[in-house]
C-alpha cells in the first residue's frame, strides 16, 4: 500500500484473495470490534495492519485448532 496513490481511498486494504476479514480505519483513542466465523481448516492465519509503517508492531498469528 505504500506505493499505491489510491491507498487512502481504499482505506489501506489491498486487493487480495488472502484477506478474509478487515476493519475500517480506527482513529487513535477509539476502538473497534470484529465478529467473524473462524476458518474451518486448522492452521495459522497471520494478521497485520496494512496502514504503511504499522505492520512492524501491529501483527500476529491467529491459531485455529481442532
PDB file of N, CA and C in Angstrom:
ATOM      1  N   UNK A   1       0.816  -1.188   0.000  1.00  0.00           N
ATOM      2  CA  UNK A   1       0.000   0.000   0.000  1.00  0.00           C
ATOM      3  C   UNK A   1       0.866   1.262   0.000  1.00  0.00           C
ATOM      4  N   UNK A   2       2.111   1.120   0.380  1.00  0.00           N
ATOM      5  CA  UNK A   2       2.994   2.278   0.497  1.00  0.00           C
ATOM      6  C   UNK A   2       3.142   3.026  -0.826  1.00  0.00           C
ATOM      7  N   UNK A   3       3.163   2.310  -1.933  1.00  0.00           N
ATOM      8  CA  UNK A   3       3.364   2.958  -3.234  1.00  0.00           C
ATOM      9  C   UNK A   3       2.064   3.183  -4.003  1.00  0.00           C
ATOM     10  N   UNK A   4       0.938   2.790  -3.461  1.00  0.00           N
ATOM     11  CA  UNK A   4      -0.347   2.946  -4.142  1.00  0.00           C
ATOM     12  C   UNK A   4      -0.884   4.352  -3.908  1.00  0.00           C
ATOM     13  N   UNK A   5      -1.002   5.180  -4.959  1.00  0.00           N
ATOM     14  CA  UNK A   5      -1.501   6.548  -4.768  1.00  0.00           C
ATOM     15  C   UNK A   5      -2.960   6.596  -4.305  1.00  0.00           C
ATOM     16  N   UNK A   6      -3.691   5.511  -4.457  1.00  0.00           N
ATOM     17  CA  UNK A   6      -5.088   5.454  -4.039  1.00  0.00           C
ATOM     18  C   UNK A   6      -5.278   4.708  -2.720  1.00  0.00           C
ATOM     19  N   UNK A   7      -4.194   4.496  -1.987  1.00  0.00           N
ATOM     20  CA  UNK A   7      -4.244   3.698  -0.758  1.00  0.00           C
ATOM     21  C   UNK A   7      -5.229   4.259   0.257  1.00  0.00           C
ATOM     22  N   UNK A   8      -5.243   5.564   0.447  1.00  0.00           N
ATOM     23  CA  UNK A   8      -6.138   6.144   1.445  1.00  0.00           C
ATOM     24  C   UNK A   8      -7.595   5.943   1.035  1.00  0.00           C
ATOM     25  N   UNK A   9      -7.896   6.119  -0.242  1.00  0.00           N
ATOM     26  CA  UNK A   9      -9.265   5.907  -0.728  1.00  0.00           C
ATOM     27  C   UNK A   9      -9.691   4.452  -0.551  1.00  0.00           C
ATOM     28  N   UNK A  10      -8.729   3.539  -0.620  1.00  0.00           N
ATOM     29  CA  UNK A  10      -9.005   2.109  -0.427  1.00  0.00           C
ATOM     30  C   UNK A  10      -8.972   1.727   1.047  1.00  0.00           C
ATOM     31  N   UNK A  11      -8.843   2.722   1.929  1.00  0.00           N
ATOM     32  CA  UNK A  11      -8.747   2.518   3.378  1.00  0.00           C
ATOM     33  C   UNK A  11      -7.574   1.605   3.734  1.00  0.00           C
ATOM     34  N   UNK A  12      -6.545   1.649   2.906  1.00  0.00           N
ATOM     35  CA  UNK A  12      -5.312   0.870   3.099  1.00  0.00           C
ATOM     36  C   UNK A  12      -5.546  -0.636   3.093  1.00  0.00           C
ATOM     37  N   UNK A  13      -6.597  -1.071   2.411  1.00  0.00           N
ATOM     38  CA  UNK A  13      -6.885  -2.502   2.319  1.00  0.00           C
ATOM     39  C   UNK A  13      -6.509  -2.961   0.912  1.00  0.00           C
ATOM     40  N   UNK A  14      -5.426  -3.722   0.771  1.00  0.00           N
ATOM     41  CA  UNK A  14      -5.026  -4.182  -0.561  1.00  0.00           C
ATOM     42  C   UNK A  14      -6.017  -5.202  -1.118  1.00  0.00           C
ATOM     43  N   UNK A  15      -6.114  -5.259  -2.432  1.00  0.00           N
ATOM     44  CA  UNK A  15      -6.981  -6.249  -3.068  1.00  0.00           C
ATOM     45  C   UNK A  15      -6.225  -7.579  -3.076  1.00  0.00           C
ATOM     46  N   UNK A  16      -6.766  -8.563  -2.364  1.00  0.00           N
ATOM     47  CA  UNK A  16      -6.109  -9.864  -2.258  1.00  0.00           C
ATOM     48  C   UNK A  16      -7.133 -10.913  -1.844  1.00  0.00           C
ATOM     49  N   UNK A  17      -7.032 -12.090  -2.441  1.00  0.00           N
ATOM     50  CA  UNK A  17      -7.909 -13.198  -2.057  1.00  0.00           C
ATOM     51  C   UNK A  17      -7.495 -13.784  -0.708  1.00  0.00           C
ATOM     52  N   UNK A  18      -6.313 -13.415  -0.210  1.00  0.00           N
ATOM     53  CA  UNK A  18      -5.824 -13.926   1.065  1.00  0.00           C
ATOM     54  C   UNK A  18      -6.400 -13.161   2.257  1.00  0.00           C
ATOM     55  N   UNK A  19      -7.045 -12.037   2.014  1.00  0.00           N
ATOM     56  CA  UNK A  19      -7.653 -11.266   3.094  1.00  0.00           C
ATOM     57  C   UNK A  19      -9.040 -11.823   3.345  1.00  0.00           C
ATOM     58  N   UNK A  20      -9.260 -12.360   4.547  1.00  0.00           N
ATOM     59  CA  UNK A  20     -10.560 -12.963   4.860  1.00  0.00           C
ATOM     60  C   UNK A  20     -11.406 -12.071   5.755  1.00  0.00           C
ATOM     61  N   UNK A  21     -10.814 -10.998   6.319  1.00  0.00           N
ATOM     62  CA  UNK A  21     -11.558 -10.091   7.190  1.00  0.00           C
ATOM     63  C   UNK A  21     -10.759  -8.803   7.325  1.00  0.00           C
ATOM     64  N   UNK A  22     -11.464  -7.703   7.481  1.00  0.00           N
ATOM     65  CA  UNK A  22     -10.791  -6.432   7.739  1.00  0.00           C
ATOM     66  C   UNK A  22     -11.735  -5.507   8.492  1.00  0.00           C
ATOM     67  N   UNK A  23     -11.165  -4.469   9.067  1.00  0.00           N
ATOM     68  CA  UNK A  23     -11.962  -3.435   9.721  1.00  0.00           C
ATOM     69  C   UNK A  23     -11.789  -2.146   8.938  1.00  0.00           C
ATOM     70  N   UNK A  24     -12.630  -1.184   9.223  1.00  0.00           N
ATOM     71  CA  UNK A  24     -12.399   0.161   8.717  1.00  0.00           C
ATOM     72  C   UNK A  24     -11.275   0.772   9.541  1.00  0.00           C
ATOM     73  N   UNK A  25     -10.777   1.923   9.117  1.00  0.00           N
ATOM     74  CA  UNK A  25      -9.750   2.603   9.886  1.00  0.00           C
ATOM     75  C   UNK A  25     -10.314   2.993  11.252  1.00  0.00           C
ATOM     76  N   UNK A  26      -9.540   2.787  12.283  1.00  0.00           N
ATOM     77  CA  UNK A  26      -9.943   3.138  13.644  1.00  0.00           C
ATOM     78  C   UNK A  26      -9.002   4.237  14.123  1.00  0.00           C
ATOM     79  N   UNK A  27      -9.572   5.367  14.439  1.00  0.00           N
ATOM     80  CA  UNK A  27      -8.781   6.528  14.834  1.00  0.00           C
ATOM     81  C   UNK A  27      -8.202   6.342  16.235  1.00  0.00           C
ATOM     82  N   UNK A  28      -7.059   6.993  16.517  1.00  0.00           N
ATOM     83  CA  UNK A  28      -6.456   6.903  17.855  1.00  0.00           C
ATOM     84  C   UNK A  28      -7.465   7.270  18.942  1.00  0.00           C
ATOM     85  N   UNK A  29      -7.444   6.508  20.019  1.00  0.00           N
ATOM     86  CA  UNK A  29      -8.351   6.742  21.130  1.00  0.00           C
ATOM     87  C   UNK A  29      -9.692   6.050  20.987  1.00  0.00           C
ATOM     88  N   UNK A  30      -9.961   5.496  19.816  1.00  0.00           N
ATOM     89  CA  UNK A  30     -11.206   4.760  19.579  1.00  0.00           C
ATOM     90  C   UNK A  30     -10.916   3.267  19.565  1.00  0.00           C
ATOM     91  N   UNK A  31     -11.958   2.476  19.523  1.00  0.00           N
ATOM     92  CA  UNK A  31     -11.778   1.028  19.452  1.00  0.00           C
ATOM     93  C   UNK A  31     -12.749   0.455  18.442  1.00  0.00           C
ATOM     94  N   UNK A  32     -12.529  -0.777  18.085  1.00  0.00           N
ATOM     95  CA  UNK A  32     -13.395  -1.462  17.145  1.00  0.00           C
ATOM     96  C   UNK A  32     -13.583  -2.908  17.564  1.00  0.00           C
ATOM     97  N   UNK A  33     -14.597  -3.530  17.018  1.00  0.00           N
ATOM     98  CA  UNK A  33     -14.898  -4.934  17.313  1.00  0.00           C
ATOM     99  C   UNK A  33     -15.085  -5.669  16.000  1.00  0.00           C
ATOM    100  N   UNK A  34     -14.504  -6.855  15.919  1.00  0.00           N
ATOM    101  CA  UNK A  34     -14.710  -7.723  14.761  1.00  0.00           C
ATOM    102  C   UNK A  34     -15.350  -9.005  15.244  1.00  0.00           C
ATOM    103  N   UNK A  35     -16.412  -9.418  14.577  1.00  0.00           N
ATOM    104  CA  UNK A  35     -17.065 -10.691  14.868  1.00  0.00           C
ATOM    105  C   UNK A  35     -17.066 -11.470  13.559  1.00  0.00           C
ATOM    106  N   UNK A  36     -16.483 -12.657  13.589  1.00  0.00           N
ATOM    107  CA  UNK A  36     -16.421 -13.462  12.374  1.00  0.00           C
ATOM    108  C   UNK A  36     -16.332 -14.935  12.734  1.00  0.00           C
ATOM    109  N   UNK A  37     -16.628 -15.775  11.775  1.00  0.00           N
ATOM    110  CA  UNK A  37     -16.527 -17.223  11.938  1.00  0.00           C
ATOM    111  C   UNK A  37     -15.095 -17.642  11.630  1.00  0.00           C
ATOM    112  N   UNK A  38     -14.514 -18.410  12.520  1.00  0.00           N
ATOM    113  CA  UNK A  38     -13.154 -18.890  12.292  1.00  0.00           C
ATOM    114  C   UNK A  38     -13.107 -19.791  11.066  1.00  0.00           C
ATOM    115  N   UNK A  39     -11.972 -19.810  10.372  1.00  0.00           N
ATOM    116  CA  UNK A  39     -11.822 -20.733   9.254  1.00  0.00           C
ATOM    117  C   UNK A  39     -12.037 -22.176   9.721  1.00  0.00           C
ATOM    118  N   UNK A  40     -12.675 -22.992   8.897  1.00  0.00           N
ATOM    119  CA  UNK A  40     -12.943 -24.390   9.248  1.00  0.00           C
ATOM    120  C   UNK A  40     -11.659 -25.210   9.284  1.00  0.00           C
ATOM    121  N   UNK A  41     -10.685 -24.821   8.499  1.00  0.00           N
ATOM    122  CA  UNK A  41      -9.433 -25.566   8.421  1.00  0.00           C
ATOM    123  C   UNK A  41      -8.469 -25.110   9.512  1.00  0.00           C
ATOM    124  N   UNK A  42      -7.972 -26.071  10.285  1.00  0.00           N
ATOM    125  CA  UNK A  42      -6.976 -25.751  11.310  1.00  0.00           C
ATOM    126  C   UNK A  42      -5.728 -25.192  10.645  1.00  0.00           C
ATOM    127  N   UNK A  43      -5.073 -24.285  11.324  1.00  0.00           N
ATOM    128  CA  UNK A  43      -3.847 -23.722  10.782  1.00  0.00           C
ATOM    129  C   UNK A  43      -3.506 -22.416  11.453  1.00  0.00           C
ATOM    130  N   UNK A  44      -2.478 -21.781  10.944  1.00  0.00           N
ATOM    131  CA  UNK A  44      -2.035 -20.492  11.443  1.00  0.00           C
ATOM    132  C   UNK A  44      -2.383 -19.432  10.419  1.00  0.00           C
ATOM    133  N   UNK A  45      -3.086 -18.412  10.864  1.00  0.00           N
ATOM    134  CA  UNK A  45      -3.553 -17.348   9.993  1.00  0.00           C
ATOM    135  C   UNK A  45      -2.934 -16.032  10.448  1.00  0.00           C
ATOM    136  N   UNK A  46      -1.980 -15.506   9.668  1.00  0.00           N
ATOM    137  CA  UNK A  46      -1.341 -14.252  10.072  1.00  0.00           C
ATOM    138  C   UNK A  46      -2.299 -13.071   9.905  1.00  0.00           C
ATOM    139  N   UNK A  47      -2.132 -12.080  10.763  1.00  0.00           N
ATOM    140  CA  UNK A  47      -2.883 -10.841  10.609  1.00  0.00           C
ATOM    141  C   UNK A  47      -1.935  -9.664  10.804  1.00  0.00           C
ATOM    142  N   UNK A  48      -2.267  -8.536  10.198  1.00  0.00           N
ATOM    143  CA  UNK A  48      -1.441  -7.348  10.315  1.00  0.00           C
ATOM    144  C   UNK A  48      -2.227  -6.119   9.914  1.00  0.00           C
ATOM    145  N   UNK A  49      -1.712  -4.986  10.295  1.00  0.00           N
ATOM    146  CA  UNK A  49      -2.280  -3.706   9.892  1.00  0.00           C
ATOM    147  C   UNK A  49      -1.627  -3.313   8.574  1.00  0.00           C
ATOM    148  N   UNK A  50      -2.437  -2.951   7.579  1.00  0.00           N
ATOM    149  CA  UNK A  50      -1.904  -2.623   6.261  1.00  0.00           C
ATOM    150  C   UNK A  50      -1.677  -1.127   6.057  1.00  0.00           C
ATOM    151  N   UNK A  51      -1.886  -0.320   7.103  1.00  0.00           N
ATOM    152  CA  UNK A  51      -1.537   1.096   7.008  1.00  0.00           C
ATOM    153  C   UNK A  51      -0.008   1.164   6.961  1.00  0.00           C
ATOM    154  N   UNK A  52       0.576   1.899   6.002  1.00  0.00           N
ATOM    155  CA  UNK A  52       2.034   1.924   5.867  1.00  0.00           C
ATOM    156  C   UNK A  52       2.750   2.219   7.190  1.00  0.00           C
ATOM    157  N   UNK A  53       3.718   1.364   7.517  1.00  0.00           N
ATOM    158  CA  UNK A  53       4.532   1.505   8.707  1.00  0.00           C
ATOM    159  C   UNK A  53       3.959   0.844   9.951  1.00  0.00           C
ATOM    160  N   UNK A  54       2.699   0.462   9.946  1.00  0.00           N
ATOM    161  CA  UNK A  54       2.065  -0.097  11.141  1.00  0.00           C
ATOM    162  C   UNK A  54       2.349  -1.584  11.339  1.00  0.00           C
ATOM    163  N   UNK A  55       2.590  -2.324  10.274  1.00  0.00           N
ATOM    164  CA  UNK A  55       2.700  -3.780  10.387  1.00  0.00           C
ATOM    165  C   UNK A  55       3.916  -4.234  11.197  1.00  0.00           C
ATOM    166  N   UNK A  56       4.883  -3.358  11.410  1.00  0.00           N
ATOM    167  CA  UNK A  56       6.050  -3.749  12.208  1.00  0.00           C
ATOM    168  C   UNK A  56       5.653  -4.084  13.642  1.00  0.00           C
ATOM    169  N   UNK A  57       4.646  -3.379  14.158  1.00  0.00           N
ATOM    170  CA  UNK A  57       4.192  -3.620  15.531  1.00  0.00           C
ATOM    171  C   UNK A  57       2.794  -4.223  15.592  1.00  0.00           C
ATOM    172  N   UNK A  58       1.987  -3.975  14.599  1.00  0.00           N
ATOM    173  CA  UNK A  58       0.585  -4.397  14.634  1.00  0.00           C
ATOM    174  C   UNK A  58       0.410  -5.654  13.773  1.00  0.00           C
ATOM    175  N   UNK A  59       0.772  -6.794  14.342  1.00  0.00           N
ATOM    176  CA  UNK A  59       0.690  -8.057  13.617  1.00  0.00           C
ATOM    177  C   UNK A  59       0.640  -9.203  14.612  1.00  0.00           C
ATOM    178  N   UNK A  60       0.281 -10.371  14.123  1.00  0.00           N
ATOM    179  CA  UNK A  60       0.249 -11.559  14.967  1.00  0.00           C
ATOM    180  C   UNK A  60      -0.203 -12.764  14.168  1.00  0.00           C
ATOM    181  N   UNK A  61      -0.468 -13.850  14.874  1.00  0.00           N
ATOM    182  CA  UNK A  61      -0.926 -15.079  14.233  1.00  0.00           C
ATOM    183  C   UNK A  61      -2.134 -15.598  15.004  1.00  0.00           C
ATOM    184  N   UNK A  62      -3.220 -15.841  14.282  1.00  0.00           N
ATOM    185  CA  UNK A  62      -4.412 -16.469  14.844  1.00  0.00           C
ATOM    186  C   UNK A  62      -4.244 -17.966  14.623  1.00  0.00           C
ATOM    187  N   UNK A  63      -4.208 -18.747  15.702  1.00  0.00           N
ATOM    188  CA  UNK A  63      -4.022 -20.191  15.593  1.00  0.00           C
ATOM    189  C   UNK A  63      -5.367 -20.886  15.766  1.00  0.00           C
ATOM    190  N   UNK A  64      -5.777 -21.599  14.718  1.00  0.00           N
ATOM    191  CA  UNK A  64      -7.041 -22.342  14.737  1.00  0.00           C
ATOM    192  C   UNK A  64      -6.703 -23.816  14.892  1.00  0.00           C
ATOM    193  N   UNK A  65      -7.280 -24.453  15.927  1.00  0.00           N
ATOM    194  CA  UNK A  65      -7.035 -25.872  16.175  1.00  0.00           C
ATOM    195  C   UNK A  65      -8.342 -26.622  16.168  1.00  0.00           C
ATOM    196  N   UNK A  66      -8.260 -27.909  15.996  1.00  0.00           N
ATOM    197  CA  UNK A  66      -9.455 -28.779  16.025  1.00  0.00           C
ATOM    198  C   UNK A  66      -9.653 -29.286  17.424  1.00  0.00           C
TER     199      UNK A  66
END
